[in-house]
């Protein structure tokens, strides 16, 4: 019986037997393309991917280990040594800030802390009379030998590729301390342990 068209090859087909631009996605069995089939330099655009996800691009952290005695104040004051700087790689990326302040007070007073980006307070409560607007505060009044951790986190949108500094400030009803208790400073006991405070920032690339 005569052939219609090209006579099939006696050997397996090669790329030379197939005309360019005739294979469509409909001819590819679903689920047969695996990760190994995609070249590492394919540079697939994020717009071609469904859903949203993020990737951590860089992490910068500062740990304050020294003891700091603080005075009663109604003016927010920098906590020396508790700041961190990061330079975002894109204006669309986010910065996740994680912070923990180990602190002590005295006389039943409370402490409060706020997060500051460069010179602007961020992640603070709404205006309510003349109340201080803070990020986090201690839950109860602290006695001379009490210690507590004040932790916070915040996802910031700095919209810049310039170096950005995040720091923590405090206000205090009474005298207090960072990284230890306020009272009986020379007592070598568990109740007068020295502790640490930290601030960590992560640049997150968010793709949609």
Protein backbone atom coordinates (compact mmCIF):
# COMPACT_ATOMS: atom_id res chain seq x y z
CA UNK A 1 0.00 0.00 0.00
CA UNK A 2 1.50 3.36 -0.95
CA UNK A 3 2.24 6.01 1.75
CA UNK A 4 0.50 9.33 1.83
CA UNK A 5 2.95 12.07 2.80
CA UNK A 6 6.44 11.44 4.10
CA UNK A 7 7.53 7.88 4.60
CA UNK A 8 8.19 7.11 8.30
CA UNK A 9 11.80 6.67 9.25
CA UNK A 10 13.01 3.19 10.05
CA UNK A 11 14.78 4.53 13.13
CA UNK A 12 13.39 6.58 16.08
CA UNK A 13 12.44 10.14 15.24
CA UNK A 14 14.99 12.87 15.74
CA UNK A 15 14.52 16.62 16.11
CA UNK A 16 15.30 16.94 12.40
CA UNK A 17 12.17 14.94 11.56
CA UNK A 18 9.87 17.46 13.31
CA UNK A 19 9.16 20.82 11.75
CA UNK A 20 9.67 23.88 13.93
CA UNK A 21 6.72 25.37 15.86
CA UNK A 22 4.26 22.50 15.32
CA UNK A 23 4.23 20.98 18.85
CA UNK A 24 1.66 22.61 21.15
CA UNK A 25 1.10 22.24 24.88
CA UNK A 26 -1.95 20.12 24.08
CA UNK A 27 0.42 17.40 22.84
CA UNK A 28 2.30 17.25 26.15
CA UNK A 29 0.89 14.92 28.79
CA UNK A 30 -0.06 16.80 31.98
CA UNK A 31 2.32 16.17 34.87
CA UNK A 32 5.24 15.03 32.72
CA UNK A 33 7.30 18.25 33.03
CA UNK A 34 9.41 18.04 36.20
CA UNK A 35 11.84 20.40 37.91
CA UNK A 36 14.83 18.79 36.16
CA UNK A 37 13.33 19.74 32.77
CA UNK A 38 13.53 23.48 33.56
CA UNK A 39 16.88 25.13 33.02
CA UNK A 40 18.32 26.98 36.02
CA UNK A 41 18.75 30.09 33.85
CA UNK A 42 15.14 30.07 32.63
CA UNK A 43 14.42 33.23 34.70
CA UNK A 44 10.68 32.64 34.79
CA UNK A 45 8.92 35.90 35.61
CA UNK A 46 6.99 36.04 38.89
CA UNK A 47 3.93 37.21 36.93
CA UNK A 48 3.78 33.73 35.39
CA UNK A 49 3.36 32.10 38.80
CA UNK A 50 0.00 31.78 40.51
CA UNK A 51 -0.58 32.69 44.14
CA UNK A 52 1.70 34.80 46.34
CA UNK A 53 4.77 33.85 48.30
CA UNK A 54 7.84 35.42 49.81
CA UNK A 55 11.54 34.85 50.13
CA UNK A 56 13.95 36.03 52.82
CA UNK A 57 16.75 37.94 51.10
CA UNK A 58 18.82 39.05 54.08
CA UNK A 59 18.77 39.00 57.87
CA UNK A 60 20.49 41.53 60.16
CA UNK A 61 20.41 41.32 63.96
CA UNK A 62 21.73 43.17 66.99
CA UNK A 63 21.97 41.69 70.49
CA UNK A 64 22.42 43.95 73.51
CA UNK A 65 24.09 42.10 76.38
CA UNK A 66 25.15 44.92 78.70
CA UNK A 67 23.13 46.17 81.67
CA UNK A 68 21.48 49.59 81.38
CA UNK A 69 19.98 51.46 84.33
CA UNK A 70 17.17 53.81 83.27
CA UNK A 71 15.55 56.75 85.02
CA UNK A 72 11.87 57.59 85.22
CA UNK A 73 10.91 59.60 82.15
CA UNK A 74 7.83 60.51 80.13
CA UNK A 75 9.97 61.25 77.06
CA UNK A 76 10.86 58.37 74.78
CA UNK A 77 14.59 57.72 75.00
CA UNK A 78 16.84 55.50 72.86
CA UNK A 79 17.99 52.22 74.35
CA UNK A 80 21.72 52.43 73.74
CA UNK A 81 22.96 49.53 71.63
CA UNK A 82 19.53 48.29 70.55
CA UNK A 83 19.35 49.35 66.91
CA UNK A 84 19.96 47.69 63.55
CA UNK A 85 20.43 48.97 59.99
CA UNK A 86 19.46 47.29 56.72
CA UNK A 87 19.56 48.35 53.07
CA UNK A 88 16.61 46.93 51.11
CA UNK A 89 17.39 45.68 47.60
CA UNK A 90 14.03 46.80 46.16
CA UNK A 91 11.49 49.50 47.00
CA UNK A 92 8.71 46.89 46.83
CA UNK A 93 10.21 44.58 49.45
CA UNK A 94 9.05 44.38 53.06
CA UNK A 95 11.07 44.43 56.28
CA UNK A 96 9.99 42.11 59.10
CA UNK A 97 11.13 43.39 62.49
CA UNK A 98 11.34 41.09 65.52
CA UNK A 99 12.25 42.57 68.89
CA UNK A 100 12.53 41.57 72.52
CA UNK A 101 13.45 43.84 75.42
CA UNK A 102 14.41 42.19 78.72
CA UNK A 103 13.63 44.70 81.46
CA UNK A 104 13.04 45.34 85.13
CA UNK A 105 11.43 48.13 87.15
CA UNK A 106 10.78 49.24 90.72
CA UNK A 107 8.03 50.63 92.91
CA UNK A 108 5.17 49.04 90.97
CA UNK A 109 5.86 51.21 87.93
CA UNK A 110 5.46 50.21 84.32
CA UNK A 111 7.71 50.51 81.30
CA UNK A 112 6.74 50.98 77.64
CA UNK A 113 8.72 50.70 74.43
CA UNK A 114 8.27 51.90 70.89
CA UNK A 115 9.79 50.98 67.54
CA UNK A 116 11.37 53.79 65.55
CA UNK A 117 12.42 53.78 61.88
CA UNK A 118 15.18 56.35 61.43
CA UNK A 119 13.45 59.21 63.30
CA UNK A 120 9.80 58.17 62.89
CA UNK A 121 7.88 56.04 65.40
CA UNK A 122 6.11 53.09 63.73
CA UNK A 123 3.85 50.28 64.95
CA UNK A 124 2.36 52.41 67.73
CA UNK A 125 -1.12 52.65 69.24
CA UNK A 126 -3.76 55.21 68.27
CA UNK A 127 -3.93 58.66 69.80
CA UNK A 128 -5.91 58.69 73.07
CA UNK A 129 -5.71 61.95 75.00
CA UNK A 130 -2.18 62.57 76.23
CA UNK A 131 -1.36 58.88 76.65
CA UNK A 132 2.02 57.82 75.25
CA UNK A 133 1.75 55.93 71.97
CA UNK A 134 3.92 52.84 72.30
CA UNK A 135 4.56 49.54 70.55
CA UNK A 136 4.54 47.32 73.64
CA UNK A 137 4.45 47.76 77.42
CA UNK A 138 4.91 45.68 80.54
CA UNK A 139 1.71 43.99 81.65
CA UNK A 140 1.93 44.93 85.32
CA UNK A 141 3.85 47.03 87.78
CA UNK A 142 7.34 45.73 88.49
CA UNK A 143 9.01 45.47 91.86
CA UNK A 144 12.73 45.92 92.46
CA UNK A 145 13.71 42.35 91.65
CA UNK A 146 11.19 41.60 88.88
CA UNK A 147 12.20 40.93 85.30
CA UNK A 148 9.97 40.63 82.24
CA UNK A 149 10.28 40.33 78.46
CA UNK A 150 8.52 42.83 76.21
CA UNK A 151 8.36 41.34 72.70
CA UNK A 152 7.00 42.71 69.44
CA UNK A 153 6.99 42.15 65.68
CA UNK A 154 6.01 44.35 62.75
CA UNK A 155 6.02 44.10 58.94
CA UNK A 156 7.20 47.42 57.53
CA UNK A 157 7.08 48.77 53.97
CA UNK A 158 10.06 51.16 53.83
CA UNK A 159 9.69 51.82 50.07
CA UNK A 160 13.39 52.66 49.73
CA UNK A 161 16.72 51.17 48.74
CA UNK A 162 18.62 53.42 51.15
CA UNK A 163 20.04 52.27 54.46
CA UNK A 164 17.27 52.23 57.07
CA UNK A 165 17.78 52.06 60.84
CA UNK A 166 15.31 50.50 63.27
CA UNK A 167 15.73 51.12 66.99
CA UNK A 168 13.87 50.77 70.28
CA UNK A 169 13.05 53.59 72.72
CA UNK A 170 11.66 53.46 76.26
CA UNK A 171 9.59 55.49 78.72
CA UNK A 172 9.32 54.60 82.40
CA UNK A 173 7.05 55.53 85.31
CA UNK A 174 9.87 54.74 87.75
CA UNK A 175 13.53 53.84 87.69
CA UNK A 176 14.20 50.58 85.89
CA UNK A 177 16.73 48.53 83.98
CA UNK A 178 17.38 46.80 80.68
CA UNK A 179 18.87 43.28 80.77
CA UNK A 180 18.41 42.82 84.49
CA UNK A 181 16.38 43.74 87.54
CA UNK A 182 16.50 47.24 88.97
CA UNK A 183 17.05 46.41 92.65
CA UNK A 184 19.84 44.68 94.57
CA UNK A 185 22.25 44.80 91.68
CA UNK A 186 25.12 43.11 93.48
CA UNK A 187 23.22 40.05 94.68
CA UNK A 188 24.57 36.90 93.00
CA UNK A 189 21.24 35.10 92.72
CA UNK A 190 18.92 33.72 90.07
CA UNK A 191 16.55 36.60 90.75
CA UNK A 192 19.24 39.06 89.64
CA UNK A 193 20.24 37.33 86.42
CA UNK A 194 21.71 39.31 83.56
CA UNK A 195 19.74 38.87 80.33
CA UNK A 196 19.81 40.01 76.69
CA UNK A 197 17.66 42.14 74.39
CA UNK A 198 17.54 41.73 70.63
CA UNK A 199 16.27 43.36 67.45
CA UNK A 200 16.29 41.43 64.16
CA UNK A 201 15.23 42.62 60.71
CA UNK A 202 14.59 40.49 57.62
CA UNK A 203 14.13 41.69 54.07
CA UNK A 204 11.23 39.82 52.48
CA UNK A 205 10.70 39.74 48.71
CA UNK A 206 6.97 39.27 48.18
CA UNK A 207 5.85 37.99 44.78
CA UNK A 208 2.26 38.02 43.57
